[in-house]
C-alpha atoms as a PDB file:
ATOM      1  CA  UNK A   1     -43.323  34.315   6.855  1.00  0.00           C
ATOM      2  CA  UNK A   2     -40.103  34.473   4.760  1.00  0.00           C
ATOM      3  CA  UNK A   3     -38.109  35.571   8.057  1.00  0.00           C
ATOM      4  CA  UNK A   4     -39.528  32.223   9.646  1.00  0.00           C
ATOM      5  CA  UNK A   5     -38.298  30.534   6.773  1.00  0.00           C
ATOM      6  CA  UNK A   6     -34.948  31.989   6.709  1.00  0.00           C
ATOM      7  CA  UNK A   7     -34.114  32.247  10.327  1.00  0.00           C
ATOM      8  CA  UNK A   8     -34.590  28.386  10.441  1.00  0.00           C
ATOM      9  CA  UNK A   9     -32.798  27.703   6.969  1.00  0.00           C
ATOM     10  CA  UNK A  10     -30.120  29.364   8.832  1.00  0.00           C
ATOM     11  CA  UNK A  11     -29.866  27.588  12.138  1.00  0.00           C
ATOM     12  CA  UNK A  12     -29.920  24.050  10.146  1.00  0.00           C
ATOM     13  CA  UNK A  13     -27.423  25.188   7.957  1.00  0.00           C
ATOM     14  CA  UNK A  14     -24.717  26.159  10.545  1.00  0.00           C
ATOM     15  CA  UNK A  15     -26.046  22.984  12.637  1.00  0.00           C
ATOM     16  CA  UNK A  16     -24.891  21.252   9.603  1.00  0.00           C
ATOM     17  CA  UNK A  17     -21.641  22.482   9.400  1.00  0.00           C
ATOM     18  CA  UNK A  18     -20.859  21.949  13.101  1.00  0.00           C
ATOM     19  CA  UNK A  19     -22.081  18.873  13.261  1.00  0.00           C
ATOM     20  CA  UNK A  20     -19.349  18.298   9.976  1.00  0.00           C
ATOM     21  CA  UNK A  21     -16.531  20.177  12.076  1.00  0.00           C
ATOM     22  CA  UNK A  22     -17.302  17.754  15.169  1.00  0.00           C
ATOM     23  CA  UNK A  23     -17.423  14.488  12.955  1.00  0.00           C
ATOM     24  CA  UNK A  24     -13.894  15.981  10.614  1.00  0.00           C
ATOM     25  CA  UNK A  25     -12.212  16.316  14.380  1.00  0.00           C
ATOM     26  CA  UNK A  26     -12.942  12.961  15.404  1.00  0.00           C
ATOM     27  CA  UNK A  27     -11.520  11.376  12.067  1.00  0.00           C
ATOM     28  CA  UNK A  28      -8.746  13.768  13.171  1.00  0.00           C
ATOM     29  CA  UNK A  29      -8.075  12.383  16.796  1.00  0.00           C
ATOM     30  CA  UNK A  30      -8.832   8.409  15.555  1.00  0.00           C
ATOM     31  CA  UNK A  31      -5.673   9.029  12.684  1.00  0.00           C
ATOM     32  CA  UNK A  32      -3.615  10.863  15.309  1.00  0.00           C
ATOM     33  CA  UNK A  33      -4.306   8.711  17.449  1.00  0.00           C
ATOM     34  CA  UNK A  34      -3.453   5.617  15.153  1.00  0.00           C
ATOM     35  CA  UNK A  35      -0.187   7.391  14.049  1.00  0.00           C
ATOM     36  CA  UNK A  36       1.237   7.750  17.719  1.00  0.00           C
ATOM     37  CA  UNK A  37       0.026   3.638  18.045  1.00  0.00           C
ATOM     38  CA  UNK A  38       1.810   3.122  14.914  1.00  0.00           C
ATOM     39  CA  UNK A  39       5.160   5.459  16.036  1.00  0.00           C
ATOM     40  CA  UNK A  40       4.880   3.451  19.595  1.00  0.00           C
ATOM     41  CA  UNK A  41       5.175  -0.124  17.678  1.00  0.00           C
ATOM     42  CA  UNK A  42       8.014   1.045  15.364  1.00  0.00           C
ATOM     43  CA  UNK A  43      10.172   2.356  18.421  1.00  0.00           C
ATOM     44  CA  UNK A  44       9.628  -0.860  20.006  1.00  0.00           C
ATOM     45  CA  UNK A  45      10.401  -2.727  16.656  1.00  0.00           C
ATOM     46  CA  UNK A  46      13.649  -0.518  16.090  1.00  0.00           C
ATOM     47  CA  UNK A  47      14.316  -1.446  20.396  1.00  0.00           C
ATOM     48  CA  UNK A  48      14.345  -5.303  19.460  1.00  0.00           C
ATOM     49  CA  UNK A  49      16.254  -4.943  16.590  1.00  0.00           C
ATOM     50  CA  UNK A  50      19.259  -3.123  18.189  1.00  0.00           C
ATOM     51  CA  UNK A  51      19.086  -4.951  21.451  1.00  0.00           C
ATOM     52  CA  UNK A  52      19.484  -8.202  18.856  1.00  0.00           C
ATOM     53  CA  UNK A  53      22.086  -6.948  16.994  1.00  0.00           C
ATOM     54  CA  UNK A  54      24.125  -5.811  20.340  1.00  0.00           C
ATOM     55  CA  UNK A  55      23.747  -9.476  21.662  1.00  0.00           C
ATOM     56  CA  UNK A  56      25.258 -10.710  18.401  1.00  0.00           C
ATOM     57  CA  UNK A  57      28.022  -8.537  18.328  1.00  0.00           C
ATOM     58  CA  UNK A  58      28.914  -9.093  21.661  1.00  0.00           C
ATOM     59  CA  UNK A  59      29.261 -12.222  21.761  1.00  0.00           C
ATOM     60  CA  UNK A  60      30.956 -12.266  18.281  1.00  0.00           C
ATOM     61  CA  UNK A  61      33.493  -9.940  19.966  1.00  0.00           C
ATOM     62  CA  UNK A  62      33.467  -7.721  16.875  1.00  0.00           C
ATOM     63  CA  UNK A  63      31.361  -5.205  15.021  1.00  0.00           C
ATOM     64  CA  UNK A  64      31.867  -4.981  11.302  1.00  0.00           C
ATOM     65  CA  UNK A  65      31.876  -0.921  10.365  1.00  0.00           C
ATOM     66  CA  UNK A  66      28.789  -1.623   7.995  1.00  0.00           C
ATOM     67  CA  UNK A  67      26.820  -3.246  10.569  1.00  0.00           C
ATOM     68  CA  UNK A  68      27.835  -0.077  12.572  1.00  0.00           C
ATOM     69  CA  UNK A  69      26.804   1.977  10.348  1.00  0.00           C
ATOM     70  CA  UNK A  70      23.166   0.474   9.869  1.00  0.00           C
ATOM     71  CA  UNK A  71      22.829   0.372  14.077  1.00  0.00           C
ATOM     72  CA  UNK A  72      23.608   4.020  14.071  1.00  0.00           C
ATOM     73  CA  UNK A  73      21.394   4.606  11.519  1.00  0.00           C
ATOM     74  CA  UNK A  74      18.265   2.005  13.428  1.00  0.00           C
ATOM     75  CA  UNK A  75      19.649   4.268  16.642  1.00  0.00           C
ATOM     76  CA  UNK A  76      18.677   7.717  14.995  1.00  0.00           C
ATOM     77  CA  UNK A  77      15.298   6.693  13.961  1.00  0.00           C
ATOM     78  CA  UNK A  78      14.285   5.257  17.599  1.00  0.00           C
ATOM     79  CA  UNK A  79      15.892   8.408  19.201  1.00  0.00           C
ATOM     80  CA  UNK A  80      13.683  10.462  16.856  1.00  0.00           C
ATOM     81  CA  UNK A  81      10.835   8.683  17.794  1.00  0.00           C
ATOM     82  CA  UNK A  82      11.808   9.306  21.404  1.00  0.00           C
ATOM     83  CA  UNK A  83      13.758   6.857  22.269  1.00  0.00           C
ATOM     84  CA  UNK A  84      15.440   6.568  26.036  1.00  0.00           C
ATOM     85  CA  UNK A  85      19.009   6.351  27.126  1.00  0.00           C
ATOM     86  CA  UNK A  86      19.390   2.494  27.638  1.00  0.00           C
ATOM     87  CA  UNK A  87      19.822   1.876  24.127  1.00  0.00           C
ATOM     88  CA  UNK A  88      22.560   5.062  24.244  1.00  0.00           C
ATOM     89  CA  UNK A  89      24.450   2.866  26.468  1.00  0.00           C
ATOM     90  CA  UNK A  90      24.498   0.073  24.317  1.00  0.00           C
ATOM     91  CA  UNK A  91      25.282   1.336  21.006  1.00  0.00           C
ATOM     92  CA  UNK A  92      28.219   3.163  22.937  1.00  0.00           C
ATOM     93  CA  UNK A  93      29.448  -0.071  23.843  1.00  0.00           C
ATOM     94  CA  UNK A  94      29.263  -1.338  20.698  1.00  0.00           C
ATOM     95  CA  UNK A  95      31.168   1.173  19.443  1.00  0.00           C
ATOM     96  CA  UNK A  96      33.915   0.327  21.714  1.00  0.00           C
ATOM     97  CA  UNK A  97      34.373  -2.987  19.865  1.00  0.00           C
ATOM     98  CA  UNK A  98      36.701  -3.887  17.490  1.00  0.00           C
ATOM     99  CA  UNK A  99      36.104  -4.175  13.754  1.00  0.00           C
ATOM    100  CA  UNK A 100      36.843  -6.907  11.346  1.00  0.00           C
ATOM    101  CA  UNK A 101      38.295  -6.228   7.721  1.00  0.00           C
ATOM    102  CA  UNK A 102      37.519  -8.732   4.755  1.00  0.00           C
ATOM    103  CA  UNK A 103      40.662 -10.664   6.085  1.00  0.00           C
ATOM    104  CA  UNK A 104      39.107 -11.601   9.153  1.00  0.00           C
ATOM    105  CA  UNK A 105      42.130  -9.742  11.238  1.00  0.00           C
ATOM    106  CA  UNK A 106      40.559  -7.698  13.968  1.00  0.00           C
ATOM    107  CA  UNK A 107      41.192  -4.247  14.940  1.00  0.00           C
ATOM    108  CA  UNK A 108      39.994  -0.936  16.475  1.00  0.00           C
ATOM    109  CA  UNK A 109      38.462   1.809  15.491  1.00  0.00           C
END
């Protein structure tokens, strides 16, 4: 009789452990999926902001150093999140723009 009870308790304990592990895996999968969505959203926001800056500075005809540094930082994060080469072309064009100093004089980098 004791063997019978022990056998069923062991099966019940292992069943419970498996249920807990499956539940934990489901939670982890949900968090990983959510993290992917957040990364994709951040990438989209960075892309939009880089394109906005590009349009703004191309319209002005110059890109100050501080703006270019900020855009480069955004681009590095965008690229680390898996961004494509389209934005790379925009960054290269921005780097070719002249820079304006405090006096308003334009000069090339």
